[in-house]
Amino acid sequence: MKEMKQVFFLLFATMAISAHAQTNMLDVGTEGGFNLSTLRGNEVILDRQQTLIGFSGGVFAQYNFKKIFSIRTGAYFERKGARSEFELIDINGNPIGTYRGQSRFDYFTVPLLLRANFGKKINWFVNAGPYAGFLIKQTDYTEAINNIPENTADLTEFFKKNDFGISFGAGIHYPLNDNLTLSFEARNNLGLVNISDLPLIGGGEINTNALNFLFGFHYKLGKRG
């Protein structure tokens, strides 16, 4: 994790120096919001797990070329996972309560996106590219059931440290003045690798997915040429 932070610090610094040399064509800012997250990859997940409402947020830097294209990267905290809810029965088939639980994955996520911008006063955009995720912590949370208290279990050791996938989305920029801009984006992070570090019952994988709704605040260090 320390090495990755150093790499992306150098990346931000390089972008800033390059932008300053070319009429300061750089945007920096922060964005965040909520997400709708699911897991996929095996039959148990498909049968039992439902959408989890999570959250994400972070900082970014965007280098703007002279035409419509931009390159964006950033550093984000992102909670992914899924929730479960089903009725429990005892050995005699009698209902004993409703199981409600959440499987939570906290990631440090770094995307690298190619963005195309359209429009003048109000700017629309689409973007896509790869992302890398680094697992901070994984916990399973269970609500109390009858006389059984709620429980939170740290299961980080059973999952891989890295997640990789494709990020894609679309959104809108609304300028407040020459330097300040508000934005909204719907961005999906689709995990493409198995994050489980253990074999699964019945085979299959565990893959992540999170649809993020991000509200942003941009500061323009310069205008496009």
C-alpha atoms as a PDB file:
ATOM      1  CA  MET A   1       0.000   0.000   0.000  1.00  0.00           C
ATOM      2  CA  LYS A   2       2.821   2.436   0.823  1.00  0.00           C
ATOM      3  CA  GLU A   3       4.473   1.796  -2.543  1.00  0.00           C
ATOM      4  CA  MET A   4       1.174   2.363  -4.397  1.00  0.00           C
ATOM      5  CA  LYS A   5       0.628   5.673  -2.609  1.00  0.00           C
ATOM      6  CA  GLN A   6       4.109   6.797  -3.684  1.00  0.00           C
ATOM      7  CA  VAL A   7       3.408   5.800  -7.289  1.00  0.00           C
ATOM      8  CA  PHE A   8       0.176   7.760  -7.461  1.00  0.00           C
ATOM      9  CA  PHE A   9       1.703  10.756  -5.677  1.00  0.00           C
ATOM     10  CA  LEU A  10       4.321  10.864  -8.439  1.00  0.00           C
ATOM     11  CA  LEU A  11       1.568  10.490 -11.039  1.00  0.00           C
ATOM     12  CA  PHE A  12      -0.336  13.469  -9.633  1.00  0.00           C
ATOM     13  CA  ALA A  13       2.858  15.527  -9.454  1.00  0.00           C
ATOM     14  CA  THR A  14       3.768  14.691 -13.060  1.00  0.00           C
ATOM     15  CA  MET A  15       0.290  15.659 -14.258  1.00  0.00           C
ATOM     16  CA  ALA A  16       0.470  18.944 -12.359  1.00  0.00           C
ATOM     17  CA  ILE A  17       3.875  19.889 -13.782  1.00  0.00           C
ATOM     18  CA  SER A  18       2.808  18.935 -17.315  1.00  0.00           C
ATOM     19  CA  ALA A  19      -0.425  20.898 -17.016  1.00  0.00           C
ATOM     20  CA  HIS A  20       1.388  23.987 -15.741  1.00  0.00           C
ATOM     21  CA  ALA A  21       3.759  23.833 -18.705  1.00  0.00           C
ATOM     22  CA  GLN A  22       0.807  23.692 -21.125  1.00  0.00           C
ATOM     23  CA  THR A  23      -1.426  26.595 -19.994  1.00  0.00           C
ATOM     24  CA  ASN A  24      -2.406  24.873 -16.722  1.00  0.00           C
ATOM     25  CA  MET A  25      -4.920  22.504 -18.316  1.00  0.00           C
ATOM     26  CA  LEU A  26      -5.591  20.683 -15.046  1.00  0.00           C
ATOM     27  CA  ASP A  27      -8.670  20.146 -12.903  1.00  0.00           C
ATOM     28  CA  VAL A  28      -8.424  18.989  -9.290  1.00  0.00           C
ATOM     29  CA  GLY A  29     -11.192  18.346  -6.829  1.00  0.00           C
ATOM     30  CA  THR A  30     -13.150  16.024  -4.626  1.00  0.00           C
ATOM     31  CA  GLU A  31     -16.270  13.922  -5.185  1.00  0.00           C
ATOM     32  CA  GLY A  32     -18.357  11.468  -3.263  1.00  0.00           C
ATOM     33  CA  GLY A  33     -21.778   9.958  -2.754  1.00  0.00           C
ATOM     34  CA  PHE A  34     -23.562   6.666  -2.332  1.00  0.00           C
ATOM     35  CA  ASN A  35     -23.453   3.434  -4.300  1.00  0.00           C
ATOM     36  CA  LEU A  36     -25.514   0.330  -5.001  1.00  0.00           C
ATOM     37  CA  SER A  37     -23.249  -2.672  -4.570  1.00  0.00           C
ATOM     38  CA  THR A  38     -23.640  -6.371  -5.301  1.00  0.00           C
ATOM     39  CA  LEU A  39     -21.513  -9.514  -5.402  1.00  0.00           C
ATOM     40  CA  ARG A  40     -21.683 -12.135  -8.121  1.00  0.00           C
ATOM     41  CA  GLY A  41     -19.859 -15.212  -9.402  1.00  0.00           C
ATOM     42  CA  ASN A  42     -21.480 -18.217  -7.680  1.00  0.00           C
ATOM     43  CA  GLU A  43     -24.918 -19.735  -7.094  1.00  0.00           C
ATOM     44  CA  VAL A  44     -25.075 -19.039  -3.344  1.00  0.00           C
ATOM     45  CA  ILE A  45     -24.547 -15.323  -3.902  1.00  0.00           C
ATOM     46  CA  LEU A  46     -27.101 -15.220  -6.715  1.00  0.00           C
ATOM     47  CA  ASP A  47     -29.717 -17.010  -4.583  1.00  0.00           C
ATOM     48  CA  ARG A  48     -29.176 -15.344  -1.201  1.00  0.00           C
ATOM     49  CA  GLN A  49     -27.580 -11.921  -1.558  1.00  0.00           C
ATOM     50  CA  GLN A  50     -29.176  -8.586  -2.411  1.00  0.00           C
ATOM     51  CA  THR A  51     -28.072  -5.021  -3.143  1.00  0.00           C
ATOM     52  CA  LEU A  52     -26.156  -3.186  -0.410  1.00  0.00           C
ATOM     53  CA  ILE A  53     -26.284   0.616  -0.165  1.00  0.00           C
ATOM     54  CA  GLY A  54     -22.709   1.768   0.388  1.00  0.00           C
ATOM     55  CA  PHE A  55     -20.708   4.929  -0.137  1.00  0.00           C
ATOM     56  CA  SER A  56     -17.565   6.203  -1.842  1.00  0.00           C
ATOM     57  CA  GLY A  57     -15.540   9.377  -2.040  1.00  0.00           C
ATOM     58  CA  GLY A  58     -12.112  10.769  -2.715  1.00  0.00           C
ATOM     59  CA  VAL A  59      -9.946  13.234  -4.613  1.00  0.00           C
ATOM     60  CA  PHE A  60      -8.987  13.394  -8.275  1.00  0.00           C
ATOM     61  CA  ALA A  61      -6.815  15.109 -10.852  1.00  0.00           C
ATOM     62  CA  GLN A  62      -7.792  15.499 -14.506  1.00  0.00           C
ATOM     63  CA  TYR A  63      -5.553  16.528 -17.378  1.00  0.00           C
ATOM     64  CA  ASN A  64      -7.456  18.166 -20.255  1.00  0.00           C
ATOM     65  CA  PHE A  65      -6.209  17.916 -23.821  1.00  0.00           C
ATOM     66  CA  LYS A  66      -6.937  20.709 -26.278  1.00  0.00           C
ATOM     67  CA  LYS A  67      -9.825  18.871 -27.919  1.00  0.00           C
ATOM     68  CA  ILE A  68     -12.642  16.954 -26.233  1.00  0.00           C
ATOM     69  CA  PHE A  69     -10.586  14.360 -24.361  1.00  0.00           C
ATOM     70  CA  SER A  70      -9.269  14.252 -20.797  1.00  0.00           C
ATOM     71  CA  ILE A  71      -7.416  11.770 -18.613  1.00  0.00           C
ATOM     72  CA  ARG A  72      -8.505  11.381 -14.992  1.00  0.00           C
ATOM     73  CA  THR A  73      -7.148   9.496 -12.013  1.00  0.00           C
ATOM     74  CA  GLY A  74      -7.794   9.703  -8.301  1.00  0.00           C
ATOM     75  CA  ALA A  75      -7.780   8.033  -4.913  1.00  0.00           C
ATOM     76  CA  TYR A  76     -11.111   6.879  -3.452  1.00  0.00           C
ATOM     77  CA  PHE A  77     -12.506   5.070  -0.447  1.00  0.00           C
ATOM     78  CA  GLU A  78     -15.213   2.699  -1.652  1.00  0.00           C
ATOM     79  CA  ARG A  79     -17.473   0.373   0.328  1.00  0.00           C
ATOM     80  CA  LYS A  80     -18.714  -2.616  -1.678  1.00  0.00           C
ATOM     81  CA  GLY A  81     -20.516  -5.799  -0.746  1.00  0.00           C
ATOM     82  CA  ALA A  82     -24.011  -7.248  -0.482  1.00  0.00           C
ATOM     83  CA  ARG A  83     -26.717  -7.884   2.071  1.00  0.00           C
ATOM     84  CA  SER A  84     -28.714 -11.014   2.873  1.00  0.00           C
ATOM     85  CA  GLU A  85     -32.183 -11.537   4.307  1.00  0.00           C
ATOM     86  CA  PHE A  86     -34.006 -14.854   4.703  1.00  0.00           C
ATOM     87  CA  GLU A  87     -36.120 -16.790   7.198  1.00  0.00           C
ATOM     88  CA  LEU A  88     -34.430 -19.244   9.574  1.00  0.00           C
ATOM     89  CA  ILE A  89     -36.084 -22.438  10.782  1.00  0.00           C
ATOM     90  CA  ASP A  90     -35.171 -24.921  13.521  1.00  0.00           C
ATOM     91  CA  ILE A  91     -34.626 -28.676  13.064  1.00  0.00           C
ATOM     92  CA  ASN A  92     -38.390 -29.210  13.312  1.00  0.00           C
ATOM     93  CA  GLY A  93     -39.154 -26.755  10.545  1.00  0.00           C
ATOM     94  CA  ASN A  94     -40.461 -24.021  12.812  1.00  0.00           C
ATOM     95  CA  PRO A  95     -39.543 -20.392  11.998  1.00  0.00           C
ATOM     96  CA  ILE A  96     -37.154 -18.845  14.524  1.00  0.00           C
ATOM     97  CA  GLY A  97     -36.579 -15.427  12.995  1.00  0.00           C
ATOM     98  CA  THR A  98     -35.286 -13.494  10.031  1.00  0.00           C
ATOM     99  CA  TYR A  99     -31.567 -13.488   9.257  1.00  0.00           C
ATOM    100  CA  ARG A 100     -30.349 -10.059   8.171  1.00  0.00           C
ATOM    101  CA  GLY A 101     -26.693  -9.577   7.422  1.00  0.00           C
ATOM    102  CA  GLN A 102     -24.201  -7.595   5.379  1.00  0.00           C
ATOM    103  CA  SER A 103     -20.909  -8.521   3.792  1.00  0.00           C
ATOM    104  CA  ARG A 104     -18.842  -5.310   3.651  1.00  0.00           C
ATOM    105  CA  PHE A 105     -15.654  -4.746   1.640  1.00  0.00           C
ATOM    106  CA  ASP A 106     -13.774  -1.475   2.205  1.00  0.00           C
ATOM    107  CA  TYR A 107     -11.436  -0.640  -0.667  1.00  0.00           C
ATOM    108  CA  PHE A 108      -8.894   2.002  -1.604  1.00  0.00           C
ATOM    109  CA  THR A 109      -9.717   2.387  -5.322  1.00  0.00           C
ATOM    110  CA  VAL A 110      -7.664   4.041  -8.058  1.00  0.00           C
ATOM    111  CA  PRO A 111      -9.201   4.450 -11.545  1.00  0.00           C
ATOM    112  CA  LEU A 112      -7.489   5.604 -14.748  1.00  0.00           C
ATOM    113  CA  LEU A 113     -10.162   6.992 -17.062  1.00  0.00           C
ATOM    114  CA  LEU A 114     -10.250   8.381 -20.580  1.00  0.00           C
ATOM    115  CA  ARG A 115     -13.003  10.996 -20.717  1.00  0.00           C
ATOM    116  CA  ALA A 116     -14.787  12.579 -23.684  1.00  0.00           C
ATOM    117  CA  ASN A 117     -16.456  15.960 -23.058  1.00  0.00           C
ATOM    118  CA  PHE A 118     -19.313  17.535 -25.035  1.00  0.00           C
ATOM    119  CA  GLY A 119     -21.112  20.851 -24.898  1.00  0.00           C
ATOM    120  CA  LYS A 120     -20.123  24.377 -23.981  1.00  0.00           C
ATOM    121  CA  LYS A 121     -21.985  26.078 -21.139  1.00  0.00           C
ATOM    122  CA  ILE A 122     -23.190  22.815 -19.630  1.00  0.00           C
ATOM    123  CA  ASN A 123     -20.687  20.044 -20.245  1.00  0.00           C
ATOM    124  CA  TRP A 124     -21.701  16.394 -20.687  1.00  0.00           C
ATOM    125  CA  PHE A 125     -19.152  13.601 -20.516  1.00  0.00           C
ATOM    126  CA  VAL A 126     -18.600   9.871 -20.783  1.00  0.00           C
ATOM    127  CA  ASN A 127     -15.542   8.004 -19.511  1.00  0.00           C
ATOM    128  CA  ALA A 128     -14.110   4.515 -19.200  1.00  0.00           C
ATOM    129  CA  GLY A 129     -10.926   2.743 -18.169  1.00  0.00           C
ATOM    130  CA  PRO A 130      -9.392   0.251 -15.740  1.00  0.00           C
ATOM    131  CA  TYR A 131      -9.321   0.514 -11.976  1.00  0.00           C
ATOM    132  CA  ALA A 132      -7.316  -1.150  -9.205  1.00  0.00           C
ATOM    133  CA  GLY A 133      -8.750  -1.771  -5.753  1.00  0.00           C
ATOM    134  CA  PHE A 134      -6.764  -2.500  -2.574  1.00  0.00           C
ATOM    135  CA  LEU A 135      -8.682  -4.174   0.242  1.00  0.00           C
ATOM    136  CA  ILE A 136      -8.567  -2.289   3.535  1.00  0.00           C
ATOM    137  CA  LYS A 137     -10.950  -4.454   5.545  1.00  0.00           C
ATOM    138  CA  GLN A 138     -13.716  -7.031   5.105  1.00  0.00           C
ATOM    139  CA  THR A 139     -16.401  -7.551   7.734  1.00  0.00           C
ATOM    140  CA  ASP A 140     -19.558  -9.634   7.981  1.00  0.00           C
ATOM    141  CA  TYR A 141     -22.280  -8.014  10.074  1.00  0.00           C
ATOM    142  CA  THR A 142     -25.347  -9.869  11.432  1.00  0.00           C
ATOM    143  CA  GLU A 143     -28.342  -8.272  13.146  1.00  0.00           C
ATOM    144  CA  ALA A 144     -29.628  -9.701  16.416  1.00  0.00           C
ATOM    145  CA  ILE A 145     -32.003 -12.679  16.076  1.00  0.00           C
ATOM    146  CA  ASN A 146     -34.202 -13.497  19.084  1.00  0.00           C
ATOM    147  CA  ASN A 147     -31.724 -14.147  21.922  1.00  0.00           C
ATOM    148  CA  ILE A 148     -28.669 -14.084  19.641  1.00  0.00           C
ATOM    149  CA  PRO A 149     -26.908 -10.668  19.795  1.00  0.00           C
ATOM    150  CA  GLU A 150     -25.697  -8.784  16.740  1.00  0.00           C
ATOM    151  CA  ASN A 151     -22.228  -9.715  15.575  1.00  0.00           C
ATOM    152  CA  THR A 152     -19.439  -8.249  13.440  1.00  0.00           C
ATOM    153  CA  ALA A 153     -16.660 -10.546  12.234  1.00  0.00           C
ATOM    154  CA  ASP A 154     -13.394  -9.435  10.619  1.00  0.00           C
ATOM    155  CA  LEU A 155     -12.770 -11.836   7.695  1.00  0.00           C
ATOM    156  CA  THR A 156     -10.155  -9.807   5.826  1.00  0.00           C
ATOM    157  CA  GLU A 157      -7.615 -12.659   5.846  1.00  0.00           C
ATOM    158  CA  PHE A 158      -9.887 -14.825   3.697  1.00  0.00           C
ATOM    159  CA  PHE A 159      -9.893 -12.418   0.744  1.00  0.00           C
ATOM    160  CA  LYS A 160      -7.305 -11.275  -1.767  1.00  0.00           C
ATOM    161  CA  LYS A 161      -5.722  -7.887  -1.218  1.00  0.00           C
ATOM    162  CA  ASN A 162      -6.222  -6.697  -4.791  1.00  0.00           C
ATOM    163  CA  ASP A 163      -9.254  -6.216  -7.019  1.00  0.00           C
ATOM    164  CA  PHE A 164      -9.117  -5.186 -10.675  1.00  0.00           C
ATOM    165  CA  GLY A 165     -11.830  -4.274 -13.138  1.00  0.00           C
ATOM    166  CA  ILE A 166     -13.376  -1.841 -15.587  1.00  0.00           C
ATOM    167  CA  SER A 167     -14.828   1.532 -14.634  1.00  0.00           C
ATOM    168  CA  PHE A 168     -17.284   3.351 -16.904  1.00  0.00           C
ATOM    169  CA  GLY A 169     -19.808   6.119 -16.497  1.00  0.00           C
ATOM    170  CA  ALA A 170     -21.461   9.320 -17.693  1.00  0.00           C
ATOM    171  CA  GLY A 171     -22.331  12.633 -16.145  1.00  0.00           C
ATOM    172  CA  ILE A 172     -22.636  16.393 -16.309  1.00  0.00           C
ATOM    173  CA  HIS A 173     -20.588  19.467 -15.307  1.00  0.00           C
ATOM    174  CA  TYR A 174     -22.204  22.750 -14.346  1.00  0.00           C
ATOM    175  CA  PRO A 175     -19.823  25.750 -14.090  1.00  0.00           C
ATOM    176  CA  LEU A 176     -20.299  28.180 -11.212  1.00  0.00           C
ATOM    177  CA  ASN A 177     -17.648  30.566 -12.536  1.00  0.00           C
ATOM    178  CA  ASP A 178     -14.447  30.410 -14.616  1.00  0.00           C
ATOM    179  CA  ASN A 179     -12.672  28.205 -12.092  1.00  0.00           C
ATOM    180  CA  LEU A 180     -15.299  26.380 -10.033  1.00  0.00           C
ATOM    181  CA  THR A 181     -17.531  23.596 -11.338  1.00  0.00           C
ATOM    182  CA  LEU A 182     -20.102  21.237  -9.854  1.00  0.00           C
ATOM    183  CA  SER A 183     -20.551  17.765 -11.305  1.00  0.00           C
ATOM    184  CA  PHE A 184     -22.676  14.654 -11.064  1.00  0.00           C
ATOM    185  CA  GLU A 185     -21.687  11.244 -12.424  1.00  0.00           C
ATOM    186  CA  ALA A 186     -23.105   7.730 -12.426  1.00  0.00           C
ATOM    187  CA  ARG A 187     -20.037   5.432 -12.534  1.00  0.00           C
ATOM    188  CA  ASN A 188     -19.990   1.642 -12.450  1.00  0.00           C
ATOM    189  CA  ASN A 189     -16.962  -0.271 -11.147  1.00  0.00           C
ATOM    190  CA  LEU A 190     -17.212  -3.829 -12.471  1.00  0.00           C
ATOM    191  CA  GLY A 191     -14.790  -6.259 -10.811  1.00  0.00           C
ATOM    192  CA  LEU A 192     -13.272  -8.840 -13.163  1.00  0.00           C
ATOM    193  CA  VAL A 193     -11.213 -11.011 -10.789  1.00  0.00           C
ATOM    194  CA  ASN A 194     -12.059 -13.528  -8.074  1.00  0.00           C
ATOM    195  CA  ILE A 195     -11.503 -11.815  -4.711  1.00  0.00           C
ATOM    196  CA  SER A 196     -11.919 -14.965  -2.595  1.00  0.00           C
ATOM    197  CA  ASP A 197      -8.680 -16.422  -1.250  1.00  0.00           C
ATOM    198  CA  LEU A 198     -10.415 -19.725  -0.424  1.00  0.00           C
ATOM    199  CA  PRO A 199     -12.182 -22.307  -2.604  1.00  0.00           C
ATOM    200  CA  LEU A 200     -15.957 -21.900  -2.603  1.00  0.00           C
ATOM    201  CA  ILE A 201     -18.603 -24.545  -1.983  1.00  0.00           C
ATOM    202  CA  GLY A 202     -19.930 -25.588  -5.375  1.00  0.00           C
ATOM    203  CA  GLY A 203     -17.149 -23.727  -7.172  1.00  0.00           C
ATOM    204  CA  GLY A 204     -17.473 -20.326  -8.753  1.00  0.00           C
ATOM    205  CA  GLU A 205     -15.974 -17.001  -7.757  1.00  0.00           C
ATOM    206  CA  ILE A 206     -16.736 -13.845  -5.812  1.00  0.00           C
ATOM    207  CA  ASN A 207     -16.679 -10.716  -7.975  1.00  0.00           C
ATOM    208  CA  THR A 208     -17.534  -7.166  -6.964  1.00  0.00           C
ATOM    209  CA  ASN A 209     -19.736  -4.570  -8.593  1.00  0.00           C
ATOM    210  CA  ALA A 210     -20.668  -1.051  -7.473  1.00  0.00           C
ATOM    211  CA  LEU A 211     -22.771   1.591  -9.207  1.00  0.00           C
ATOM    212  CA  ASN A 212     -21.560   4.903  -7.741  1.00  0.00           C
ATOM    213  CA  PHE A 213     -23.515   8.171  -7.783  1.00  0.00           C
ATOM    214  CA  LEU A 214     -20.864  10.853  -7.331  1.00  0.00           C
ATOM    215  CA  PHE A 215     -21.342  14.561  -6.629  1.00  0.00           C
ATOM    216  CA  GLY A 216     -18.177  16.557  -7.296  1.00  0.00           C
ATOM    217  CA  PHE A 217     -16.535  19.920  -6.763  1.00  0.00           C
ATOM    218  CA  HIS A 218     -13.857  20.879  -9.326  1.00  0.00           C
ATOM    219  CA  TYR A 219     -11.274  23.624  -9.311  1.00  0.00           C
ATOM    220  CA  LYS A 220      -9.866  24.550 -12.725  1.00  0.00           C
ATOM    221  CA  LEU A 221      -6.208  25.524 -12.651  1.00  0.00           C
ATOM    222  CA  GLY A 222      -6.461  26.732 -16.241  1.00  0.00           C
ATOM    223  CA  LYS A 223      -8.513  26.714 -19.426  1.00  0.00           C
ATOM    224  CA  ARG A 224      -8.123  24.527 -22.464  1.00  0.00           C
ATOM    225  CA  GLY A 225      -6.248  25.920 -25.386  1.00  0.00           C
END
